[in-house]
C-alpha atoms as a PDB file:
ATOM      1  CA  MET A   1       0.000   0.000   0.000  1.00  0.00           C
ATOM      2  CA  ARG A   2       1.519   3.313  -1.053  1.00  0.00           C
ATOM      3  CA  CYS A   3       0.909   6.624   0.619  1.00  0.00           C
ATOM      4  CA  ARG A   4       0.625   9.858  -1.360  1.00  0.00           C
ATOM      5  CA  LYS A   5       4.284  10.784  -1.000  1.00  0.00           C
ATOM      6  CA  GLY A   6       5.418   7.576  -2.722  1.00  0.00           C
ATOM      7  CA  GLY A   7       6.499   5.659   0.388  1.00  0.00           C
ATOM      8  CA  TYR A   8       4.790   2.681   1.926  1.00  0.00           C
ATOM      9  CA  MET A   9       2.046   3.269   4.427  1.00  0.00           C
ATOM     10  CA  SER A  10       2.275   1.360   7.688  1.00  0.00           C
ATOM     11  CA  ARG A  11      -0.828  -0.685   8.249  1.00  0.00           C
ATOM     12  CA  TYR A  12      -0.290  -2.040  11.770  1.00  0.00           C
ATOM     13  CA  LYS A  13       0.648  -0.221  14.951  1.00  0.00           C
ATOM     14  CA  VAL A  14       2.025  -2.086  17.972  1.00  0.00           C
ATOM     15  CA  MET A  15       0.903  -0.552  21.238  1.00  0.00           C
ATOM     16  CA  VAL A  16       2.072  -1.719  24.657  1.00  0.00           C
ATOM     17  CA  ASP A  17       0.178  -1.740  27.911  1.00  0.00           C
ATOM     18  CA  ASP A  18       1.778  -2.433  31.274  1.00  0.00           C
ATOM     19  CA  ASN A  19       0.219  -5.408  33.079  1.00  0.00           C
ATOM     20  CA  PHE A  20       1.092  -3.821  36.435  1.00  0.00           C
ATOM     21  CA  HIS A  21      -0.990  -0.762  35.498  1.00  0.00           C
ATOM     22  CA  TYR A  22      -3.904  -2.720  34.033  1.00  0.00           C
ATOM     23  CA  MET A  23      -6.458  -0.475  32.274  1.00  0.00           C
ATOM     24  CA  ASP A  24      -4.345   2.662  32.824  1.00  0.00           C
ATOM     25  CA  GLU A  25      -4.026   4.154  29.337  1.00  0.00           C
ATOM     26  CA  ASP A  26      -1.552   6.753  30.652  1.00  0.00           C
ATOM     27  CA  GLU A  27       0.981   3.909  30.949  1.00  0.00           C
ATOM     28  CA  ARG A  28       0.449   2.844  27.304  1.00  0.00           C
ATOM     29  CA  TYR A  29       3.042   3.587  24.634  1.00  0.00           C
ATOM     30  CA  GLU A  30       3.521   3.036  20.907  1.00  0.00           C
ATOM     31  CA  LEU A  31       6.311   0.605  20.043  1.00  0.00           C
ATOM     32  CA  GLY A  32       6.206   1.085  16.273  1.00  0.00           C
ATOM     33  CA  THR A  33       4.281   0.793  13.025  1.00  0.00           C
ATOM     34  CA  PHE A  34       4.658  -1.983  10.468  1.00  0.00           C
ATOM     35  CA  SER A  35       3.551  -2.633   6.923  1.00  0.00           C
ATOM     36  CA  THR A  36       2.645  -6.303   7.507  1.00  0.00           C
ATOM     37  CA  ILE A  37       0.838  -8.188  10.244  1.00  0.00           C
ATOM     38  CA  GLU A  38       3.723 -10.675  10.349  1.00  0.00           C
ATOM     39  CA  GLU A  39       6.196  -7.910  11.258  1.00  0.00           C
ATOM     40  CA  ALA A  40       3.862  -6.600  13.958  1.00  0.00           C
ATOM     41  CA  VAL A  41       3.332 -10.065  15.478  1.00  0.00           C
ATOM     42  CA  ALA A  42       7.077 -10.819  15.395  1.00  0.00           C
ATOM     43  CA  THR A  43       7.761  -7.540  17.221  1.00  0.00           C
ATOM     44  CA  CYS A  44       5.164  -8.374  19.878  1.00  0.00           C
ATOM     45  CA  LYS A  45       6.634 -11.845  20.373  1.00  0.00           C
ATOM     46  CA  GLN A  46      10.156 -10.438  20.647  1.00  0.00           C
ATOM     47  CA  LEU A  47       9.049  -7.960  23.323  1.00  0.00           C
ATOM     48  CA  ILE A  48       7.389 -10.765  25.299  1.00  0.00           C
ATOM     49  CA  ASP A  49      10.461 -13.024  24.977  1.00  0.00           C
ATOM     50  CA  ASP A  50      12.689 -10.168  26.160  1.00  0.00           C
ATOM     51  CA  ASP A  51      10.386  -9.519  29.133  1.00  0.00           C
ATOM     52  CA  LEU A  52      10.353 -13.189  30.116  1.00  0.00           C
ATOM     53  CA  ARG A  53      14.122 -13.485  29.769  1.00  0.00           C
ATOM     54  CA  GLU A  54      14.702 -10.372  31.892  1.00  0.00           C
ATOM     55  CA  SER A  55      12.139 -11.446  34.522  1.00  0.00           C
ATOM     56  CA  ALA A  56      13.727 -14.881  34.870  1.00  0.00           C
ATOM     57  CA  LYS A  57      17.283 -13.559  35.275  1.00  0.00           C
ATOM     58  CA  GLY A  58      18.780 -14.701  38.557  1.00  0.00           C
ATOM     59  CA  LYS A  59      15.545 -16.347  39.672  1.00  0.00           C
ATOM     60  CA  ASN A  60      14.514 -19.959  39.830  1.00  0.00           C
ATOM     61  CA  TYR A  61      10.921 -19.620  38.585  1.00  0.00           C
ATOM     62  CA  THR A  62       8.938 -22.598  37.388  1.00  0.00           C
ATOM     63  CA  PRO A  63       7.223 -21.970  34.040  1.00  0.00           C
ATOM     64  CA  ASP A  64       3.923 -21.352  35.846  1.00  0.00           C
ATOM     65  CA  GLU A  65       5.549 -18.899  38.266  1.00  0.00           C
ATOM     66  CA  LEU A  66       7.200 -17.029  35.398  1.00  0.00           C
ATOM     67  CA  TYR A  67       3.871 -16.794  33.575  1.00  0.00           C
ATOM     68  CA  ASP A  68       2.143 -15.495  36.717  1.00  0.00           C
ATOM     69  CA  TYR A  69       4.891 -12.899  37.170  1.00  0.00           C
ATOM     70  CA  TYR A  70       4.611 -11.849  33.513  1.00  0.00           C
ATOM     71  CA  VAL A  71       0.822 -11.351  33.565  1.00  0.00           C
ATOM     72  CA  SER A  72       1.205  -9.279  36.728  1.00  0.00           C
ATOM     73  CA  PHE A  73       4.193  -7.124  35.790  1.00  0.00           C
ATOM     74  CA  GLY A  74       5.187  -7.655  32.127  1.00  0.00           C
ATOM     75  CA  SER A  75       4.491  -5.758  28.940  1.00  0.00           C
ATOM     76  CA  ASP A  76       1.234  -6.483  27.141  1.00  0.00           C
ATOM     77  CA  PRO A  77       1.649  -5.628  23.454  1.00  0.00           C
ATOM     78  CA  PHE A  78      -1.311  -5.471  21.103  1.00  0.00           C
ATOM     79  CA  ILE A  79      -1.817  -4.623  17.461  1.00  0.00           C
ATOM     80  CA  VAL A  80      -4.024  -1.916  16.007  1.00  0.00           C
ATOM     81  CA  ALA A  81      -4.900  -2.147  12.308  1.00  0.00           C
ATOM     82  CA  LEU A  82      -4.563   1.287  10.722  1.00  0.00           C
ATOM     83  CA  ASP A  83      -6.536   0.144   7.668  1.00  0.00           C
ATOM     84  CA  SER A  84     -10.109   0.135   8.956  1.00  0.00           C
ATOM     85  CA  GLN A  85     -10.984  -2.796   6.689  1.00  0.00           C
ATOM     86  CA  ASP A  86      -8.736  -5.098   8.702  1.00  0.00           C
ATOM     87  CA  GLY A  87     -10.523  -4.605  12.021  1.00  0.00           C
ATOM     88  CA  ARG A  88      -8.495  -5.528  15.098  1.00  0.00           C
ATOM     89  CA  PRO A  89      -5.942  -8.272  14.336  1.00  0.00           C
ATOM     90  CA  SER A  90      -6.023 -11.298  16.571  1.00  0.00           C
ATOM     91  CA  PHE A  91      -3.044 -11.362  18.899  1.00  0.00           C
ATOM     92  CA  SER A  92      -2.877 -12.207  22.586  1.00  0.00           C
ATOM     93  CA  ALA A  93       0.341 -11.772  24.514  1.00  0.00           C
ATOM     94  CA  TRP A  94      -1.002 -13.955  27.301  1.00  0.00           C
ATOM     95  CA  ASN A  95      -1.543 -16.886  24.946  1.00  0.00           C
END
């Protein structure tokens, strides 16, 4: 998809909520915009992997304990489709 100035228009925006500040939009930030859903999903997954890796550093969490820590304190990325025809892409950081 081309924008009027000849470049490519980004179609997907990755936004990040903070699980510790659940429902507090003041804590939300934009991570970036991407031209494909695959790029947006890969970015979300990378952020989650980085969060899990950092949270587990120096700790002896079981997988369940690490998950519980993540859903309480980790980043919660989500994708917003900028092309209204796409609706809201399906992506769940918790899954």
